[in-house]
């Protein structure tokens, strides 16, 4: 079982990614590019997942 040190709500994750839109963040999640977890009706993005996604973006350029 993986433990997460910090979970970001959708608005916080959008801000951490430079102010991308909520809809773009949901596209990243639905395409499997960014992992998330659901607690109740809310969706959270682990800070580790944001870091991994950012690192992958640097590798593809």
PDB file of N, CA and C in Angstrom:
ATOM      1  N   UNK A   1       0.846  -1.183   0.000  1.00  0.00           N
ATOM      2  CA  UNK A   1       0.000   0.000   0.000  1.00  0.00           C
ATOM      3  C   UNK A   1       0.888   1.242   0.000  1.00  0.00           C
ATOM      4  N   UNK A   2       0.595   2.145  -0.895  1.00  0.00           N
ATOM      5  CA  UNK A   2       1.379   3.371  -1.015  1.00  0.00           C
ATOM      6  C   UNK A   2       0.816   4.427  -0.074  1.00  0.00           C
ATOM      7  N   UNK A   3       1.686   5.145   0.597  1.00  0.00           N
ATOM      8  CA  UNK A   3       1.250   6.230   1.459  1.00  0.00           C
ATOM      9  C   UNK A   3       1.611   7.555   0.803  1.00  0.00           C
ATOM     10  N   UNK A   4       0.760   8.528   0.975  1.00  0.00           N
ATOM     11  CA  UNK A   4       0.959   9.840   0.373  1.00  0.00           C
ATOM     12  C   UNK A   4       1.265  10.846   1.467  1.00  0.00           C
ATOM     13  N   UNK A   5       2.273  11.652   1.228  1.00  0.00           N
ATOM     14  CA  UNK A   5       2.634  12.640   2.227  1.00  0.00           C
ATOM     15  C   UNK A   5       1.716  13.863   2.147  1.00  0.00           C
ATOM     16  N   UNK A   6       1.278  14.187   0.955  1.00  0.00           N
ATOM     17  CA  UNK A   6       0.455  15.389   0.804  1.00  0.00           C
ATOM     18  C   UNK A   6      -0.501  15.202  -0.367  1.00  0.00           C
ATOM     19  N   UNK A   7      -1.767  15.464  -0.129  1.00  0.00           N
ATOM     20  CA  UNK A   7      -2.778  15.394  -1.179  1.00  0.00           C
ATOM     21  C   UNK A   7      -3.240  16.801  -1.511  1.00  0.00           C
ATOM     22  N   UNK A   8      -3.367  17.074  -2.804  1.00  0.00           N
ATOM     23  CA  UNK A   8      -3.826  18.382  -3.259  1.00  0.00           C
ATOM     24  C   UNK A   8      -5.234  18.268  -3.817  1.00  0.00           C
ATOM     25  N   UNK A   9      -6.090  19.193  -3.436  1.00  0.00           N
ATOM     26  CA  UNK A   9      -7.411  19.277  -4.043  1.00  0.00           C
ATOM     27  C   UNK A   9      -7.239  19.790  -5.468  1.00  0.00           C
ATOM     28  N   UNK A  10      -8.251  19.642  -6.287  1.00  0.00           N
ATOM     29  CA  UNK A  10      -8.157  20.022  -7.696  1.00  0.00           C
ATOM     30  C   UNK A  10      -7.720  21.481  -7.884  1.00  0.00           C
ATOM     31  N   UNK A  11      -8.316  22.454  -7.180  1.00  0.00           N
ATOM     32  CA  UNK A  11      -7.856  23.838  -7.385  1.00  0.00           C
ATOM     33  C   UNK A  11      -6.389  24.050  -7.005  1.00  0.00           C
ATOM     34  N   UNK A  12      -5.940  23.365  -5.943  1.00  0.00           N
ATOM     35  CA  UNK A  12      -4.538  23.483  -5.538  1.00  0.00           C
ATOM     36  C   UNK A  12      -3.611  22.876  -6.583  1.00  0.00           C
ATOM     37  N   UNK A  13      -4.007  21.746  -7.149  1.00  0.00           N
ATOM     38  CA  UNK A  13      -3.198  21.092  -8.176  1.00  0.00           C
ATOM     39  C   UNK A  13      -3.119  21.965  -9.428  1.00  0.00           C
ATOM     40  N   UNK A  14      -4.227  22.591  -9.793  1.00  0.00           N
ATOM     41  CA  UNK A  14      -4.223  23.493 -10.953  1.00  0.00           C
ATOM     42  C   UNK A  14      -3.244  24.639 -10.730  1.00  0.00           C
ATOM     43  N   UNK A  15      -3.274  25.208  -9.540  1.00  0.00           N
ATOM     44  CA  UNK A  15      -2.367  26.311  -9.221  1.00  0.00           C
ATOM     45  C   UNK A  15      -0.915  25.836  -9.229  1.00  0.00           C
ATOM     46  N   UNK A  16      -0.658  24.633  -8.717  1.00  0.00           N
ATOM     47  CA  UNK A  16       0.702  24.095  -8.672  1.00  0.00           C
ATOM     48  C   UNK A  16       1.246  23.833 -10.067  1.00  0.00           C
ATOM     49  N   UNK A  17       0.367  23.615 -11.028  1.00  0.00           N
ATOM     50  CA  UNK A  17       0.786  23.369 -12.409  1.00  0.00           C
ATOM     51  C   UNK A  17       0.728  24.644 -13.251  1.00  0.00           C
ATOM     52  N   UNK A  18       0.886  25.765 -12.608  1.00  0.00           N
ATOM     53  CA  UNK A  18       0.987  27.027 -13.339  1.00  0.00           C
ATOM     54  C   UNK A  18      -0.333  27.665 -13.706  1.00  0.00           C
ATOM     55  N   UNK A  19      -1.403  27.231 -13.059  1.00  0.00           N
ATOM     56  CA  UNK A  19      -2.703  27.841 -13.309  1.00  0.00           C
ATOM     57  C   UNK A  19      -3.471  27.224 -14.466  1.00  0.00           C
ATOM     58  N   UNK A  20      -3.227  25.929 -14.744  1.00  0.00           N
ATOM     59  CA  UNK A  20      -4.001  25.283 -15.807  1.00  0.00           C
ATOM     60  C   UNK A  20      -5.467  25.207 -15.398  1.00  0.00           C
ATOM     61  N   UNK A  21      -6.332  25.007 -16.349  1.00  0.00           N
ATOM     62  CA  UNK A  21      -7.764  24.961 -16.052  1.00  0.00           C
ATOM     63  C   UNK A  21      -8.143  23.629 -15.411  1.00  0.00           C
ATOM     64  N   UNK A  22      -9.245  23.657 -14.704  1.00  0.00           N
ATOM     65  CA  UNK A  22      -9.769  22.430 -14.093  1.00  0.00           C
ATOM     66  C   UNK A  22     -10.049  21.381 -15.149  1.00  0.00           C
ATOM     67  N   UNK A  23     -10.628  21.808 -16.262  1.00  0.00           N
ATOM     68  CA  UNK A  23     -10.978  20.841 -17.302  1.00  0.00           C
ATOM     69  C   UNK A  23      -9.730  20.177 -17.882  1.00  0.00           C
ATOM     70  N   UNK A  24      -8.645  20.926 -18.032  1.00  0.00           N
ATOM     71  CA  UNK A  24      -7.400  20.334 -18.539  1.00  0.00           C
ATOM     72  C   UNK A  24      -6.846  19.331 -17.525  1.00  0.00           C
ATOM     73  N   UNK A  25      -6.944  19.649 -16.234  1.00  0.00           N
ATOM     74  CA  UNK A  25      -6.486  18.728 -15.203  1.00  0.00           C
ATOM     75  C   UNK A  25      -7.295  17.436 -15.257  1.00  0.00           C
ATOM     76  N   UNK A  26      -8.602  17.546 -15.434  1.00  0.00           N
ATOM     77  CA  UNK A  26      -9.436  16.343 -15.526  1.00  0.00           C
ATOM     78  C   UNK A  26      -9.111  15.532 -16.784  1.00  0.00           C
ATOM     79  N   UNK A  27      -8.739  16.201 -17.865  1.00  0.00           N
ATOM     80  CA  UNK A  27      -8.314  15.482 -19.074  1.00  0.00           C
ATOM     81  C   UNK A  27      -7.047  14.684 -18.777  1.00  0.00           C
ATOM     82  N   UNK A  28      -6.079  15.301 -18.105  1.00  0.00           N
ATOM     83  CA  UNK A  28      -4.847  14.597 -17.745  1.00  0.00           C
ATOM     84  C   UNK A  28      -5.148  13.363 -16.891  1.00  0.00           C
ATOM     85  N   UNK A  29      -6.092  13.505 -15.960  1.00  0.00           N
ATOM     86  CA  UNK A  29      -6.455  12.374 -15.107  1.00  0.00           C
ATOM     87  C   UNK A  29      -7.181  11.289 -15.899  1.00  0.00           C
ATOM     88  N   UNK A  30      -8.098  11.679 -16.770  1.00  0.00           N
ATOM     89  CA  UNK A  30      -8.871  10.675 -17.520  1.00  0.00           C
ATOM     90  C   UNK A  30      -8.009   9.936 -18.534  1.00  0.00           C
ATOM     91  N   UNK A  31      -6.960  10.592 -19.052  1.00  0.00           N
ATOM     92  CA  UNK A  31      -6.047   9.947 -20.000  1.00  0.00           C
ATOM     93  C   UNK A  31      -4.991   9.106 -19.290  1.00  0.00           C
ATOM     94  N   UNK A  32      -5.001   9.133 -17.953  1.00  0.00           N
ATOM     95  CA  UNK A  32      -4.055   8.336 -17.186  1.00  0.00           C
ATOM     96  C   UNK A  32      -2.672   8.950 -17.072  1.00  0.00           C
ATOM     97  N   UNK A  33      -2.526  10.195 -17.453  1.00  0.00           N
ATOM     98  CA  UNK A  33      -1.227  10.857 -17.367  1.00  0.00           C
ATOM     99  C   UNK A  33      -0.939  11.357 -15.959  1.00  0.00           C
ATOM    100  N   UNK A  34      -1.983  11.572 -15.175  1.00  0.00           N
ATOM    101  CA  UNK A  34      -1.837  12.095 -13.821  1.00  0.00           C
ATOM    102  C   UNK A  34      -2.724  11.260 -12.909  1.00  0.00           C
ATOM    103  N   UNK A  35      -2.124  10.642 -11.920  1.00  0.00           N
ATOM    104  CA  UNK A  35      -2.914   9.790 -11.028  1.00  0.00           C
ATOM    105  C   UNK A  35      -3.639  10.636  -9.983  1.00  0.00           C
ATOM    106  N   UNK A  36      -4.740  10.096  -9.514  1.00  0.00           N
ATOM    107  CA  UNK A  36      -5.528  10.778  -8.498  1.00  0.00           C
ATOM    108  C   UNK A  36      -6.249   9.737  -7.654  1.00  0.00           C
ATOM    109  N   UNK A  37      -6.765  10.189  -6.545  1.00  0.00           N
ATOM    110  CA  UNK A  37      -7.579   9.308  -5.706  1.00  0.00           C
ATOM    111  C   UNK A  37      -8.877  10.030  -5.390  1.00  0.00           C
ATOM    112  N   UNK A  38      -9.895   9.258  -5.117  1.00  0.00           N
ATOM    113  CA  UNK A  38     -11.196   9.824  -4.808  1.00  0.00           C
ATOM    114  C   UNK A  38     -11.526   9.473  -3.363  1.00  0.00           C
ATOM    115  N   UNK A  39     -11.881  10.482  -2.605  1.00  0.00           N
ATOM    116  CA  UNK A  39     -12.316  10.305  -1.223  1.00  0.00           C
ATOM    117  C   UNK A  39     -13.705  10.913  -1.133  1.00  0.00           C
ATOM    118  N   UNK A  40     -14.682  10.050  -0.938  1.00  0.00           N
ATOM    119  CA  UNK A  40     -16.057  10.524  -0.969  1.00  0.00           C
ATOM    120  C   UNK A  40     -16.381  11.015  -2.366  1.00  0.00           C
ATOM    121  N   UNK A  41     -16.825  12.250  -2.473  1.00  0.00           N
ATOM    122  CA  UNK A  41     -17.135  12.822  -3.780  1.00  0.00           C
ATOM    123  C   UNK A  41     -16.016  13.704  -4.315  1.00  0.00           C
ATOM    124  N   UNK A  42     -14.950  13.835  -3.525  1.00  0.00           N
ATOM    125  CA  UNK A  42     -13.854  14.725  -3.927  1.00  0.00           C
ATOM    126  C   UNK A  42     -12.691  13.947  -4.522  1.00  0.00           C
ATOM    127  N   UNK A  43     -11.993  14.584  -5.440  1.00  0.00           N
ATOM    128  CA  UNK A  43     -10.826  13.983  -6.073  1.00  0.00           C
ATOM    129  C   UNK A  43      -9.588  14.747  -5.616  1.00  0.00           C
ATOM    130  N   UNK A  44      -8.535  14.001  -5.289  1.00  0.00           N
ATOM    131  CA  UNK A  44      -7.277  14.575  -4.831  1.00  0.00           C
ATOM    132  C   UNK A  44      -6.126  14.045  -5.671  1.00  0.00           C
ATOM    133  N   UNK A  45      -5.099  14.871  -5.813  1.00  0.00           N
ATOM    134  CA  UNK A  45      -3.918  14.497  -6.569  1.00  0.00           C
ATOM    135  C   UNK A  45      -2.754  14.446  -5.588  1.00  0.00           C
ATOM    136  N   UNK A  46      -2.083  13.296  -5.501  1.00  0.00           N
ATOM    137  CA  UNK A  46      -0.909  13.215  -4.626  1.00  0.00           C
ATOM    138  C   UNK A  46       0.204  14.128  -5.139  1.00  0.00           C
ATOM    139  N   UNK A  47       0.882  14.794  -4.229  1.00  0.00           N
ATOM    140  CA  UNK A  47       1.964  15.693  -4.644  1.00  0.00           C
ATOM    141  C   UNK A  47       3.047  14.926  -5.399  1.00  0.00           C
ATOM    142  N   UNK A  48       3.262  13.654  -5.044  1.00  0.00           N
ATOM    143  CA  UNK A  48       4.245  12.829  -5.764  1.00  0.00           C
ATOM    144  C   UNK A  48       3.842  12.670  -7.228  1.00  0.00           C
ATOM    145  N   UNK A  49       2.548  12.546  -7.496  1.00  0.00           N
ATOM    146  CA  UNK A  49       2.076  12.382  -8.873  1.00  0.00           C
ATOM    147  C   UNK A  49       2.341  13.650  -9.688  1.00  0.00           C
ATOM    148  N   UNK A  50       2.172  14.811  -9.057  1.00  0.00           N
ATOM    149  CA  UNK A  50       2.474  16.071  -9.757  1.00  0.00           C
ATOM    150  C   UNK A  50       3.955  16.148 -10.099  1.00  0.00           C
ATOM    151  N   UNK A  51       4.801  15.800  -9.145  1.00  0.00           N
ATOM    152  CA  UNK A  51       6.242  15.837  -9.368  1.00  0.00           C
ATOM    153  C   UNK A  51       6.642  14.892 -10.496  1.00  0.00           C
ATOM    154  N   UNK A  52       6.091  13.682 -10.488  1.00  0.00           N
ATOM    155  CA  UNK A  52       6.398  12.703 -11.537  1.00  0.00           C
ATOM    156  C   UNK A  52       5.938  13.203 -12.905  1.00  0.00           C
ATOM    157  N   UNK A  53       4.747  13.797 -12.979  1.00  0.00           N
ATOM    158  CA  UNK A  53       4.224  14.295 -14.248  1.00  0.00           C
ATOM    159  C   UNK A  53       5.108  15.419 -14.786  1.00  0.00           C
ATOM    160  N   UNK A  54       5.524  16.328 -13.904  1.00  0.00           N
ATOM    161  CA  UNK A  54       6.389  17.439 -14.318  1.00  0.00           C
ATOM    162  C   UNK A  54       7.722  16.903 -14.837  1.00  0.00           C
ATOM    163  N   UNK A  55       8.282  15.911 -14.149  1.00  0.00           N
ATOM    164  CA  UNK A  55       9.552  15.331 -14.590  1.00  0.00           C
ATOM    165  C   UNK A  55       9.399  14.660 -15.964  1.00  0.00           C
ATOM    166  N   UNK A  56       8.274  13.977 -16.201  1.00  0.00           N
ATOM    167  CA  UNK A  56       8.047  13.355 -17.509  1.00  0.00           C
ATOM    168  C   UNK A  56       7.938  14.394 -18.609  1.00  0.00           C
ATOM    169  N   UNK A  57       7.384  15.553 -18.309  1.00  0.00           N
ATOM    170  CA  UNK A  57       7.262  16.606 -19.317  1.00  0.00           C
ATOM    171  C   UNK A  57       8.625  17.110 -19.721  1.00  0.00           C
ATOM    172  N   UNK A  58       9.551  17.191 -18.777  1.00  0.00           N
ATOM    173  CA  UNK A  58      10.904  17.631 -19.082  1.00  0.00           C
ATOM    174  C   UNK A  58      11.653  16.626 -19.926  1.00  0.00           C
ATOM    175  N   UNK A  59      11.346  15.346 -19.760  1.00  0.00           N
ATOM    176  CA  UNK A  59      12.017  14.297 -20.516  1.00  0.00           C
ATOM    177  C   UNK A  59      11.566  14.251 -21.975  1.00  0.00           C
ATOM    178  N   UNK A  60      10.320  14.637 -22.241  1.00  0.00           N
ATOM    179  CA  UNK A  60       9.789  14.529 -23.595  1.00  0.00           C
ATOM    180  C   UNK A  60      10.193  15.702 -24.474  1.00  0.00           C
ATOM    181  N   UNK A  61      10.789  16.715 -23.926  1.00  0.00           N
ATOM    182  CA  UNK A  61      11.137  17.909 -24.722  1.00  0.00           C
ATOM    183  C   UNK A  61      12.555  17.925 -25.107  1.00  0.00           C
TER     184      UNK A  61
END
